[in-house]
Amino acid sequence: MKTKIFKVQGKFMMGRGLKHFTKELKAVSEDDIREKIYSEFGSKHRIGRSKIFIEDIKEISLDEAQDPIIKALSNG
């Protein structure tokens, strides 16, 4: 299975307010991306899944990617 680059946008509850986020990740499918987002926010910020709101997931090309780590991993 070939991995793809996805751009994820959404919000999460931090204290009493919502914070916006945009992340670029590599995965095989959108379902894998959702699990990675939930896992990352849960482990780094101690936020439950019900407080993470994924608004958009779209596949992007390597040229559209902004994250230098994603670019480096994709070129290798």
N, C-alpha and C. Protein backbone atom coordinates (compact mmCIF):
# COMPACT_ATOMS: atom_id res chain seq x y z
N MET A 1 0.84 -1.18 0.00
CA MET A 1 0.00 0.00 0.00
C MET A 1 0.88 1.24 0.00
N LYS A 2 0.52 2.17 -0.80
CA LYS A 2 1.29 3.40 -0.91
C LYS A 2 0.71 4.48 0.01
N THR A 3 1.60 5.15 0.71
CA THR A 3 1.13 6.23 1.57
C THR A 3 0.90 7.50 0.76
N LYS A 4 -0.02 8.29 1.25
CA LYS A 4 -0.39 9.55 0.62
C LYS A 4 -0.18 10.66 1.64
N ILE A 5 -0.13 11.89 1.16
CA ILE A 5 0.00 13.04 2.04
C ILE A 5 -1.38 13.68 2.17
N PHE A 6 -1.79 13.93 3.42
CA PHE A 6 -3.08 14.53 3.69
C PHE A 6 -2.90 15.82 4.48
N LYS A 7 -3.75 16.79 4.20
CA LYS A 7 -3.81 18.03 4.98
C LYS A 7 -5.10 17.97 5.79
N VAL A 8 -4.98 18.13 7.09
CA VAL A 8 -6.12 18.02 8.00
C VAL A 8 -6.33 19.37 8.67
N GLN A 9 -7.58 19.82 8.68
CA GLN A 9 -7.93 21.06 9.37
C GLN A 9 -9.07 20.78 10.33
N GLY A 10 -9.04 21.46 11.45
CA GLY A 10 -10.09 21.28 12.44
C GLY A 10 -9.90 22.18 13.64
N LYS A 11 -10.59 21.80 14.72
CA LYS A 11 -10.54 22.55 15.97
C LYS A 11 -10.47 21.56 17.12
N PHE A 12 -9.98 22.03 18.25
CA PHE A 12 -10.01 21.22 19.46
C PHE A 12 -10.25 22.13 20.66
N MET A 13 -10.85 21.57 21.70
CA MET A 13 -11.13 22.32 22.91
C MET A 13 -9.86 22.43 23.75
N MET A 14 -9.49 23.66 24.04
CA MET A 14 -8.35 23.91 24.92
C MET A 14 -8.86 24.87 25.98
N GLY A 15 -9.03 24.37 27.19
CA GLY A 15 -9.65 25.18 28.24
C GLY A 15 -11.12 25.40 27.90
N ARG A 16 -11.50 26.67 27.81
CA ARG A 16 -12.89 26.99 27.49
C ARG A 16 -13.10 27.38 26.04
N GLY A 17 -12.02 27.45 25.27
CA GLY A 17 -12.14 27.90 23.89
C GLY A 17 -11.71 26.87 22.87
N LEU A 18 -12.10 27.11 21.63
CA LEU A 18 -11.69 26.25 20.53
C LEU A 18 -10.43 26.81 19.88
N LYS A 19 -9.47 25.95 19.61
CA LYS A 19 -8.25 26.32 18.91
C LYS A 19 -8.24 25.63 17.55
N HIS A 20 -7.87 26.38 16.53
CA HIS A 20 -7.78 25.83 15.18
C HIS A 20 -6.45 25.09 15.00
N PHE A 21 -6.47 24.07 14.15
CA PHE A 21 -5.22 23.40 13.81
C PHE A 21 -5.23 23.02 12.34
N THR A 22 -4.04 22.95 11.78
CA THR A 22 -3.81 22.43 10.43
C THR A 22 -2.57 21.55 10.53
N LYS A 23 -2.68 20.32 10.06
CA LYS A 23 -1.57 19.38 10.10
C LYS A 23 -1.44 18.68 8.76
N GLU A 24 -0.22 18.34 8.42
CA GLU A 24 0.05 17.51 7.26
C GLU A 24 0.63 16.20 7.76
N LEU A 25 0.03 15.11 7.32
CA LEU A 25 0.45 13.78 7.75
C LEU A 25 0.47 12.83 6.57
N LYS A 26 1.26 11.76 6.73
CA LYS A 26 1.27 10.70 5.72
C LYS A 26 0.51 9.50 6.26
N ALA A 27 -0.31 8.91 5.41
CA ALA A 27 -1.05 7.71 5.79
C ALA A 27 -1.57 7.03 4.53
N VAL A 28 -2.15 5.86 4.73
CA VAL A 28 -2.71 5.09 3.62
C VAL A 28 -4.12 5.56 3.29
N SER A 29 -4.89 5.93 4.33
CA SER A 29 -6.30 6.30 4.11
C SER A 29 -6.73 7.41 5.07
N GLU A 30 -7.92 7.96 4.79
CA GLU A 30 -8.48 8.99 5.67
C GLU A 30 -8.77 8.44 7.06
N ASP A 31 -9.18 7.18 7.15
CA ASP A 31 -9.44 6.58 8.46
C ASP A 31 -8.16 6.53 9.30
N ASP A 32 -7.04 6.21 8.65
CA ASP A 32 -5.75 6.20 9.36
C ASP A 32 -5.39 7.60 9.84
N ILE A 33 -5.69 8.60 9.03
CA ILE A 33 -5.41 9.99 9.40
C ILE A 33 -6.22 10.37 10.63
N ARG A 34 -7.51 10.02 10.65
CA ARG A 34 -8.34 10.33 11.82
C ARG A 34 -7.75 9.72 13.09
N GLU A 35 -7.34 8.47 13.02
CA GLU A 35 -6.77 7.81 14.18
C GLU A 35 -5.47 8.49 14.62
N LYS A 36 -4.64 8.91 13.66
CA LYS A 36 -3.40 9.59 14.00
C LYS A 36 -3.67 10.92 14.70
N ILE A 37 -4.65 11.66 14.21
CA ILE A 37 -4.99 12.95 14.83
C ILE A 37 -5.48 12.73 16.26
N TYR A 38 -6.44 11.82 16.43
CA TYR A 38 -6.96 11.55 17.77
C TYR A 38 -5.84 11.08 18.72
N SER A 39 -4.98 10.22 18.23
CA SER A 39 -3.89 9.69 19.04
C SER A 39 -2.89 10.77 19.43
N GLU A 40 -2.52 11.60 18.45
CA GLU A 40 -1.53 12.65 18.71
C GLU A 40 -2.05 13.69 19.69
N PHE A 41 -3.26 14.18 19.47
CA PHE A 41 -3.81 15.18 20.38
C PHE A 41 -4.07 14.60 21.77
N GLY A 42 -4.49 13.36 21.81
CA GLY A 42 -4.72 12.71 23.10
C GLY A 42 -3.44 12.54 23.90
N SER A 43 -2.36 12.15 23.23
CA SER A 43 -1.12 11.91 23.96
C SER A 43 -0.38 13.21 24.28
N LYS A 44 -0.37 14.17 23.36
CA LYS A 44 0.37 15.41 23.60
C LYS A 44 -0.39 16.41 24.46
N HIS A 45 -1.70 16.49 24.29
CA HIS A 45 -2.49 17.52 24.95
C HIS A 45 -3.51 16.98 25.96
N ARG A 46 -3.60 15.65 26.06
CA ARG A 46 -4.57 15.02 26.98
C ARG A 46 -6.00 15.44 26.66
N ILE A 47 -6.33 15.42 25.38
CA ILE A 47 -7.66 15.81 24.93
C ILE A 47 -8.40 14.56 24.46
N GLY A 48 -9.62 14.40 24.92
CA GLY A 48 -10.44 13.27 24.50
C GLY A 48 -10.94 13.45 23.08
N ARG A 49 -11.29 12.34 22.45
CA ARG A 49 -11.76 12.36 21.06
C ARG A 49 -12.99 13.23 20.86
N SER A 50 -13.83 13.32 21.87
CA SER A 50 -15.06 14.11 21.73
C SER A 50 -14.79 15.61 21.71
N LYS A 51 -13.56 16.01 22.04
CA LYS A 51 -13.20 17.43 22.04
C LYS A 51 -12.33 17.81 20.84
N ILE A 52 -12.20 16.89 19.88
CA ILE A 52 -11.43 17.14 18.66
C ILE A 52 -12.41 17.11 17.50
N PHE A 53 -12.45 18.18 16.73
CA PHE A 53 -13.40 18.31 15.64
C PHE A 53 -12.65 18.44 14.31
N ILE A 54 -12.60 17.36 13.57
CA ILE A 54 -11.93 17.36 12.27
C ILE A 54 -12.91 17.90 11.24
N GLU A 55 -12.54 19.01 10.60
CA GLU A 55 -13.44 19.66 9.66
C GLU A 55 -13.17 19.27 8.21
N ASP A 56 -11.90 19.04 7.86
CA ASP A 56 -11.57 18.75 6.47
C ASP A 56 -10.32 17.89 6.40
N ILE A 57 -10.39 16.87 5.57
CA ILE A 57 -9.23 16.04 5.26
C ILE A 57 -9.15 15.98 3.74
N LYS A 58 -8.01 16.41 3.20
CA LYS A 58 -7.87 16.31 1.75
C LYS A 58 -6.48 15.83 1.40
N GLU A 59 -6.43 15.04 0.35
CA GLU A 59 -5.15 14.55 -0.14
C GLU A 59 -4.47 15.67 -0.91
N ILE A 60 -3.18 15.85 -0.66
CA ILE A 60 -2.42 16.88 -1.36
C ILE A 60 -1.20 16.25 -2.02
N SER A 61 -0.65 16.96 -2.97
CA SER A 61 0.55 16.48 -3.65
C SER A 61 1.78 16.88 -2.85
N LEU A 62 2.91 16.30 -3.19
CA LEU A 62 4.16 16.63 -2.52
C LEU A 62 4.50 18.10 -2.72
N ASP A 63 4.17 18.66 -3.88
CA ASP A 63 4.44 20.07 -4.17
C ASP A 63 3.61 21.01 -3.29
N GLU A 64 2.42 20.58 -2.90
CA GLU A 64 1.55 21.40 -2.06
C GLU A 64 1.93 21.34 -0.58
N ALA A 65 2.68 20.32 -0.18
CA ALA A 65 3.05 20.13 1.22
C ALA A 65 3.97 21.25 1.69
N GLN A 66 3.72 21.74 2.90
CA GLN A 66 4.52 22.81 3.51
C GLN A 66 5.48 22.28 4.58
N ASP A 67 5.13 21.16 5.20
CA ASP A 67 5.92 20.60 6.30
C ASP A 67 7.23 20.01 5.76
N PRO A 68 8.39 20.53 6.22
CA PRO A 68 9.67 20.03 5.71
C PRO A 68 9.94 18.55 6.06
N ILE A 69 9.39 18.09 7.17
CA ILE A 69 9.58 16.69 7.54
C ILE A 69 8.81 15.78 6.58
N ILE A 70 7.59 16.15 6.24
CA ILE A 70 6.79 15.37 5.30
C ILE A 70 7.49 15.33 3.94
N LYS A 71 8.03 16.48 3.51
CA LYS A 71 8.74 16.54 2.23
C LYS A 71 9.97 15.64 2.25
N ALA A 72 10.73 15.69 3.32
CA ALA A 72 11.94 14.88 3.43
C ALA A 72 11.60 13.38 3.43
N LEU A 73 10.56 13.00 4.15
CA LEU A 73 10.16 11.59 4.19
C LEU A 73 9.64 11.11 2.85
N SER A 74 9.01 11.99 2.09
CA SER A 74 8.44 11.62 0.80
C SER A 74 9.50 11.53 -0.30
N ASN A 75 10.55 12.32 -0.19
CA ASN A 75 11.60 12.30 -1.20
C ASN A 75 12.53 11.10 -1.03
N GLY A 76 12.62 10.59 0.18
CA GLY A 76 13.55 9.50 0.47
C GLY A 76 13.07 8.24 -0.09
